[in-house]
Amino acid sequence: MTLQTPQPPPSALRAVLGALDSETALRQPAAAALRHPAGPLVPAHPLAVHVLDGPRRPELSAARRTGWRFLIKDGAEVAAAAEVVQSVEGHTFSHFTAGPYLDSTVRALREAWQLAQSSRFRRQPRLLTFPGQYATALWLHGPDAGPDADLLIPLAPAPLGVTAHRAYPAAELLPLLARAPLTGPLLLGSP
């Protein structure tokens, strides 16, 4: 059917635009690519951010929305991502991110568009993070199809035993993540 791109709340977009105009926000290390843009910086591809933590056998219904992430484009290239969190006033800028998840998100969105063409269901792309497993996935939610139709595309780098950029039914990937070793991120200088 179609991939239904969500419309973020106006306060989320205002928070990102404010951060792009803020010298303080642009001093963050992850914003280095945004300091000397080739053209205008444009927030694109807004994704609602959901977090799934807690029980060893997680369920998507337990995921809580925490904010929005926008890919920041400098011309045709994605230079960074900006995340905003929900607050009492609406949304507040949280931080910029850089690194491998940017290209991986773009690739997963392309894969999602291809999957949507062959699906009979409408899909809503979301970003789903699993803090305990240091994993992130593009969540293709089917609001008309029920939770059994939801797909997850793990972003690279993915935890051991999980293949990045493979579309998994949520019921298949969630148990894999529950069994994934709970190791922290690799730190420089660690054994």
C-alpha atoms as a PDB file:
ATOM      1  CA  MET A   1       0.000   0.000   0.000  1.00  0.00           C
ATOM      2  CA  THR A   2       1.854   3.135   1.205  1.00  0.00           C
ATOM      3  CA  LEU A   3       4.382   4.387   3.674  1.00  0.00           C
ATOM      4  CA  GLN A   4       2.610   7.098   5.654  1.00  0.00           C
ATOM      5  CA  THR A   5       5.193   9.637   6.786  1.00  0.00           C
ATOM      6  CA  PRO A   6       4.121  11.108  10.124  1.00  0.00           C
ATOM      7  CA  GLN A   7       3.639  14.823  10.637  1.00  0.00           C
ATOM      8  CA  PRO A   8       5.507  15.970  13.743  1.00  0.00           C
ATOM      9  CA  PRO A   9       3.877  18.411  16.133  1.00  0.00           C
ATOM     10  CA  PRO A  10       4.704  22.046  15.304  1.00  0.00           C
ATOM     11  CA  SER A  11       6.560  22.388  18.638  1.00  0.00           C
ATOM     12  CA  ALA A  12       8.954  19.572  17.598  1.00  0.00           C
ATOM     13  CA  LEU A  13       9.840  21.273  14.331  1.00  0.00           C
ATOM     14  CA  ARG A  14      10.228  24.658  16.075  1.00  0.00           C
ATOM     15  CA  ALA A  15      12.637  23.071  18.580  1.00  0.00           C
ATOM     16  CA  VAL A  16      14.818  21.663  15.775  1.00  0.00           C
ATOM     17  CA  LEU A  17      14.815  24.916  13.818  1.00  0.00           C
ATOM     18  CA  GLY A  18      15.745  26.777  16.996  1.00  0.00           C
ATOM     19  CA  ALA A  19      18.667  24.411  17.584  1.00  0.00           C
ATOM     20  CA  LEU A  20      19.907  24.928  14.019  1.00  0.00           C
ATOM     21  CA  ASP A  21      19.998  28.684  14.735  1.00  0.00           C
ATOM     22  CA  SER A  22      21.680  28.264  18.132  1.00  0.00           C
ATOM     23  CA  GLU A  23      25.446  28.694  18.363  1.00  0.00           C
ATOM     24  CA  THR A  24      25.388  26.818  21.669  1.00  0.00           C
ATOM     25  CA  ALA A  25      23.597  23.777  20.217  1.00  0.00           C
ATOM     26  CA  LEU A  26      25.884  23.766  17.179  1.00  0.00           C
ATOM     27  CA  ARG A  27      28.941  23.506  19.474  1.00  0.00           C
ATOM     28  CA  GLN A  28      28.002  19.901  20.314  1.00  0.00           C
ATOM     29  CA  PRO A  29      30.602  17.486  18.878  1.00  0.00           C
ATOM     30  CA  ALA A  30      27.933  15.646  16.826  1.00  0.00           C
ATOM     31  CA  ALA A  31      27.014  18.944  15.142  1.00  0.00           C
ATOM     32  CA  ALA A  32      30.465  19.455  13.574  1.00  0.00           C
ATOM     33  CA  ALA A  33      29.136  18.798  10.049  1.00  0.00           C
ATOM     34  CA  LEU A  34      26.454  21.459  10.559  1.00  0.00           C
ATOM     35  CA  ARG A  35      28.784  24.349  11.429  1.00  0.00           C
ATOM     36  CA  HIS A  36      29.859  25.141   7.852  1.00  0.00           C
ATOM     37  CA  PRO A  37      27.044  23.936   5.594  1.00  0.00           C
ATOM     38  CA  ALA A  38      27.224  24.121   1.810  1.00  0.00           C
ATOM     39  CA  GLY A  39      23.633  25.341   1.715  1.00  0.00           C
ATOM     40  CA  PRO A  40      20.589  25.671   3.948  1.00  0.00           C
ATOM     41  CA  LEU A  41      20.146  23.021   6.626  1.00  0.00           C
ATOM     42  CA  VAL A  42      16.763  21.343   6.290  1.00  0.00           C
ATOM     43  CA  PRO A  43      15.088  19.064   8.850  1.00  0.00           C
ATOM     44  CA  ALA A  44      13.695  16.046   6.977  1.00  0.00           C
ATOM     45  CA  HIS A  45      12.252  12.575   7.549  1.00  0.00           C
ATOM     46  CA  PRO A  46      10.739  13.137  11.010  1.00  0.00           C
ATOM     47  CA  LEU A  47      10.418   9.907  12.973  1.00  0.00           C
ATOM     48  CA  ALA A  48       8.618   9.505  16.278  1.00  0.00           C
ATOM     49  CA  VAL A  49      11.110   8.005  18.754  1.00  0.00           C
ATOM     50  CA  HIS A  50       9.865   5.158  20.926  1.00  0.00           C
ATOM     51  CA  VAL A  51      11.832   3.429  23.683  1.00  0.00           C
ATOM     52  CA  LEU A  52      11.343  -0.181  24.676  1.00  0.00           C
ATOM     53  CA  ASP A  53      13.058  -1.127  27.895  1.00  0.00           C
ATOM     54  CA  GLY A  54      12.263  -3.196  30.901  1.00  0.00           C
ATOM     55  CA  PRO A  55      11.175  -6.824  30.722  1.00  0.00           C
ATOM     56  CA  ARG A  56      13.290  -9.497  29.109  1.00  0.00           C
ATOM     57  CA  ARG A  57      10.349 -10.406  26.826  1.00  0.00           C
ATOM     58  CA  PRO A  58       9.428  -6.966  25.514  1.00  0.00           C
ATOM     59  CA  GLU A  59       6.245  -6.216  23.586  1.00  0.00           C
ATOM     60  CA  LEU A  60       5.705  -3.302  21.216  1.00  0.00           C
ATOM     61  CA  SER A  61       2.669  -2.219  23.208  1.00  0.00           C
ATOM     62  CA  ALA A  62       5.078  -1.358  26.057  1.00  0.00           C
ATOM     63  CA  ALA A  63       7.088   1.073  23.906  1.00  0.00           C
ATOM     64  CA  ARG A  64       6.716   4.660  25.042  1.00  0.00           C
ATOM     65  CA  ARG A  65       7.106   7.655  22.756  1.00  0.00           C
ATOM     66  CA  THR A  66       9.771  10.018  24.012  1.00  0.00           C
ATOM     67  CA  GLY A  67      10.077  12.545  21.191  1.00  0.00           C
ATOM     68  CA  TRP A  68      11.062  12.972  17.559  1.00  0.00           C
ATOM     69  CA  ARG A  69      14.230  12.600  15.495  1.00  0.00           C
ATOM     70  CA  PHE A  70      14.799  14.591  12.310  1.00  0.00           C
ATOM     71  CA  LEU A  71      17.502  13.902   9.762  1.00  0.00           C
ATOM     72  CA  ILE A  72      19.260  17.185   8.967  1.00  0.00           C
ATOM     73  CA  LYS A  73      20.052  17.578   5.287  1.00  0.00           C
ATOM     74  CA  ASP A  74      22.777  19.791   3.866  1.00  0.00           C
ATOM     75  CA  GLY A  75      21.804  19.763   0.205  1.00  0.00           C
ATOM     76  CA  ALA A  76      21.174  16.134  -0.788  1.00  0.00           C
ATOM     77  CA  GLU A  77      23.336  14.696   2.001  1.00  0.00           C
ATOM     78  CA  VAL A  78      22.288  13.844   5.546  1.00  0.00           C
ATOM     79  CA  ALA A  79      24.774  15.642   7.797  1.00  0.00           C
ATOM     80  CA  ALA A  80      23.374  14.862  11.267  1.00  0.00           C
ATOM     81  CA  ALA A  81      20.207  14.088  13.163  1.00  0.00           C
ATOM     82  CA  ALA A  82      18.445  16.246  15.735  1.00  0.00           C
ATOM     83  CA  GLU A  83      16.402  14.790  18.553  1.00  0.00           C
ATOM     84  CA  VAL A  84      13.699  16.566  20.512  1.00  0.00           C
ATOM     85  CA  VAL A  85      11.979  15.278  23.634  1.00  0.00           C
ATOM     86  CA  GLN A  86       8.467  15.828  24.899  1.00  0.00           C
ATOM     87  CA  SER A  87       8.179  18.441  27.598  1.00  0.00           C
ATOM     88  CA  VAL A  88       5.440  20.305  29.422  1.00  0.00           C
ATOM     89  CA  GLU A  89       5.695  23.135  26.877  1.00  0.00           C
ATOM     90  CA  GLY A  90       5.534  20.762  23.891  1.00  0.00           C
ATOM     91  CA  HIS A  91       8.979  19.715  22.718  1.00  0.00           C
ATOM     92  CA  THR A  92      12.515  20.696  23.664  1.00  0.00           C
ATOM     93  CA  PHE A  93      15.710  20.178  21.685  1.00  0.00           C
ATOM     94  CA  SER A  94      17.784  17.397  23.245  1.00  0.00           C
ATOM     95  CA  HIS A  95      20.864  16.747  21.106  1.00  0.00           C
ATOM     96  CA  PHE A  96      22.409  16.226  17.693  1.00  0.00           C
ATOM     97  CA  THR A  97      23.719  12.830  16.647  1.00  0.00           C
ATOM     98  CA  ALA A  98      26.203  11.711  14.019  1.00  0.00           C
ATOM     99  CA  GLY A  99      27.808   8.416  13.134  1.00  0.00           C
ATOM    100  CA  PRO A 100      26.774   5.140  11.510  1.00  0.00           C
ATOM    101  CA  TYR A 101      23.096   5.312  12.447  1.00  0.00           C
ATOM    102  CA  LEU A 102      22.586   8.236  10.033  1.00  0.00           C
ATOM    103  CA  ASP A 103      23.444   6.285   6.868  1.00  0.00           C
ATOM    104  CA  SER A 104      21.761   3.215   8.313  1.00  0.00           C
ATOM    105  CA  THR A 105      18.532   5.167   8.913  1.00  0.00           C
ATOM    106  CA  VAL A 106      18.549   6.481   5.352  1.00  0.00           C
ATOM    107  CA  ARG A 107      19.106   2.958   4.026  1.00  0.00           C
ATOM    108  CA  ALA A 108      16.319   1.528   6.231  1.00  0.00           C
ATOM    109  CA  LEU A 109      13.911   4.237   5.035  1.00  0.00           C
ATOM    110  CA  ARG A 110      14.695   3.286   1.411  1.00  0.00           C
ATOM    111  CA  GLU A 111      14.055  -0.364   2.268  1.00  0.00           C
ATOM    112  CA  ALA A 112      10.794   0.612   3.963  1.00  0.00           C
ATOM    113  CA  TRP A 113       9.606   2.439   0.838  1.00  0.00           C
ATOM    114  CA  GLN A 114      10.326  -0.678  -1.219  1.00  0.00           C
ATOM    115  CA  LEU A 115       8.500  -2.913   1.271  1.00  0.00           C
ATOM    116  CA  ALA A 116       5.518  -0.572   1.305  1.00  0.00           C
ATOM    117  CA  GLN A 117       5.114  -0.925  -2.461  1.00  0.00           C
ATOM    118  CA  SER A 118       4.500  -4.667  -2.142  1.00  0.00           C
ATOM    119  CA  SER A 119       2.400  -4.527   1.034  1.00  0.00           C
ATOM    120  CA  ARG A 120      -1.364  -4.357   1.243  1.00  0.00           C
ATOM    121  CA  PHE A 121      -1.106  -2.484   4.558  1.00  0.00           C
ATOM    122  CA  ARG A 122      -0.450   1.165   5.297  1.00  0.00           C
ATOM    123  CA  ARG A 123       2.775   1.537   7.313  1.00  0.00           C
ATOM    124  CA  GLN A 124       3.984   4.323   9.608  1.00  0.00           C
ATOM    125  CA  PRO A 125       7.760   4.555  10.075  1.00  0.00           C
ATOM    126  CA  ARG A 126       8.939   5.112  13.643  1.00  0.00           C
ATOM    127  CA  LEU A 127      12.274   4.815  15.381  1.00  0.00           C
ATOM    128  CA  LEU A 128      12.468   2.211  18.148  1.00  0.00           C
ATOM    129  CA  THR A 129      15.378   2.081  20.567  1.00  0.00           C
ATOM    130  CA  PHE A 130      16.296  -0.746  22.924  1.00  0.00           C
ATOM    131  CA  PRO A 131      18.655   0.851  25.493  1.00  0.00           C
ATOM    132  CA  GLY A 132      19.414  -2.421  27.290  1.00  0.00           C
ATOM    133  CA  GLN A 133      20.600  -4.048  24.081  1.00  0.00           C
ATOM    134  CA  TYR A 134      22.226  -0.960  22.528  1.00  0.00           C
ATOM    135  CA  ALA A 135      20.039  -1.429  19.454  1.00  0.00           C
ATOM    136  CA  THR A 136      17.863   0.759  17.259  1.00  0.00           C
ATOM    137  CA  ALA A 137      15.381  -0.260  14.578  1.00  0.00           C
ATOM    138  CA  LEU A 138      13.088   1.360  12.083  1.00  0.00           C
ATOM    139  CA  TRP A 139       9.623   0.278  13.216  1.00  0.00           C
ATOM    140  CA  LEU A 140       7.077  -0.079  10.422  1.00  0.00           C
ATOM    141  CA  HIS A 141       3.806   0.111  12.290  1.00  0.00           C
ATOM    142  CA  GLY A 142       0.652  -1.069  10.528  1.00  0.00           C
ATOM    143  CA  PRO A 143      -2.168   0.883  12.240  1.00  0.00           C
ATOM    144  CA  ASP A 144      -4.837  -0.929  10.192  1.00  0.00           C
ATOM    145  CA  ALA A 145      -3.341  -4.409  10.476  1.00  0.00           C
ATOM    146  CA  GLY A 146      -2.800  -5.022  14.179  1.00  0.00           C
ATOM    147  CA  PRO A 147       0.474  -5.582  16.066  1.00  0.00           C
ATOM    148  CA  ASP A 148       1.216  -8.908  14.363  1.00  0.00           C
ATOM    149  CA  ALA A 149       1.826  -7.098  11.066  1.00  0.00           C
ATOM    150  CA  ASP A 150       4.462  -4.707  12.466  1.00  0.00           C
ATOM    151  CA  LEU A 151       7.939  -5.024  10.990  1.00  0.00           C
ATOM    152  CA  LEU A 152      11.290  -3.993  12.475  1.00  0.00           C
ATOM    153  CA  ILE A 153      14.394  -3.192  10.421  1.00  0.00           C
ATOM    154  CA  PRO A 154      17.444  -3.197  12.743  1.00  0.00           C
ATOM    155  CA  LEU A 155      19.923  -0.421  12.043  1.00  0.00           C
ATOM    156  CA  ALA A 156      23.646  -1.088  11.746  1.00  0.00           C
ATOM    157  CA  PRO A 157      25.467  -1.778  13.951  1.00  0.00           C
ATOM    158  CA  ALA A 158      23.068  -4.422  15.248  1.00  0.00           C
ATOM    159  CA  PRO A 159      23.548  -6.673  18.305  1.00  0.00           C
ATOM    160  CA  LEU A 160      25.076 -10.126  17.912  1.00  0.00           C
ATOM    161  CA  GLY A 161      22.632 -12.594  16.402  1.00  0.00           C
ATOM    162  CA  VAL A 162      20.600  -9.870  14.658  1.00  0.00           C
ATOM    163  CA  THR A 163      21.055  -9.021  10.972  1.00  0.00           C
ATOM    164  CA  ALA A 164      21.004  -5.295  10.234  1.00  0.00           C
ATOM    165  CA  HIS A 165      18.737  -4.140   7.406  1.00  0.00           C
ATOM    166  CA  ARG A 166      16.666  -7.301   7.356  1.00  0.00           C
ATOM    167  CA  ALA A 167      12.932  -6.729   7.828  1.00  0.00           C
ATOM    168  CA  TYR A 168      11.834  -8.902  10.743  1.00  0.00           C
ATOM    169  CA  PRO A 169       8.287  -9.450  11.930  1.00  0.00           C
ATOM    170  CA  ALA A 170       8.252  -7.843  15.387  1.00  0.00           C
ATOM    171  CA  ALA A 171       7.229 -11.164  16.948  1.00  0.00           C
ATOM    172  CA  GLU A 172      10.456 -12.699  15.582  1.00  0.00           C
ATOM    173  CA  LEU A 173      12.935  -9.912  16.402  1.00  0.00           C
ATOM    174  CA  LEU A 174      11.799  -9.041  19.934  1.00  0.00           C
ATOM    175  CA  PRO A 175      12.633 -12.515  21.348  1.00  0.00           C
ATOM    176  CA  LEU A 176      16.032 -12.354  19.587  1.00  0.00           C
ATOM    177  CA  LEU A 177      16.766  -9.044  21.289  1.00  0.00           C
ATOM    178  CA  ALA A 178      15.599 -10.395  24.635  1.00  0.00           C
ATOM    179  CA  ARG A 179      18.232 -13.150  24.309  1.00  0.00           C
ATOM    180  CA  ALA A 180      20.971 -10.853  22.964  1.00  0.00           C
ATOM    181  CA  PRO A 181      23.941 -10.437  25.299  1.00  0.00           C
ATOM    182  CA  LEU A 182      23.608  -7.309  27.409  1.00  0.00           C
ATOM    183  CA  THR A 183      26.946  -5.776  26.613  1.00  0.00           C
ATOM    184  CA  GLY A 184      27.769  -2.117  26.690  1.00  0.00           C
ATOM    185  CA  PRO A 185      29.071  -0.095  23.785  1.00  0.00           C
ATOM    186  CA  LEU A 186      32.703  -0.623  22.815  1.00  0.00           C
ATOM    187  CA  LEU A 187      34.861   1.960  24.550  1.00  0.00           C
ATOM    188  CA  LEU A 188      38.250   3.057  23.302  1.00  0.00           C
ATOM    189  CA  GLY A 189      40.997   1.577  25.410  1.00  0.00           C
ATOM    190  CA  SER A 190      38.792  -1.184  26.804  1.00  0.00           C
ATOM    191  CA  PRO A 191      40.058  -4.781  26.724  1.00  0.00           C
END
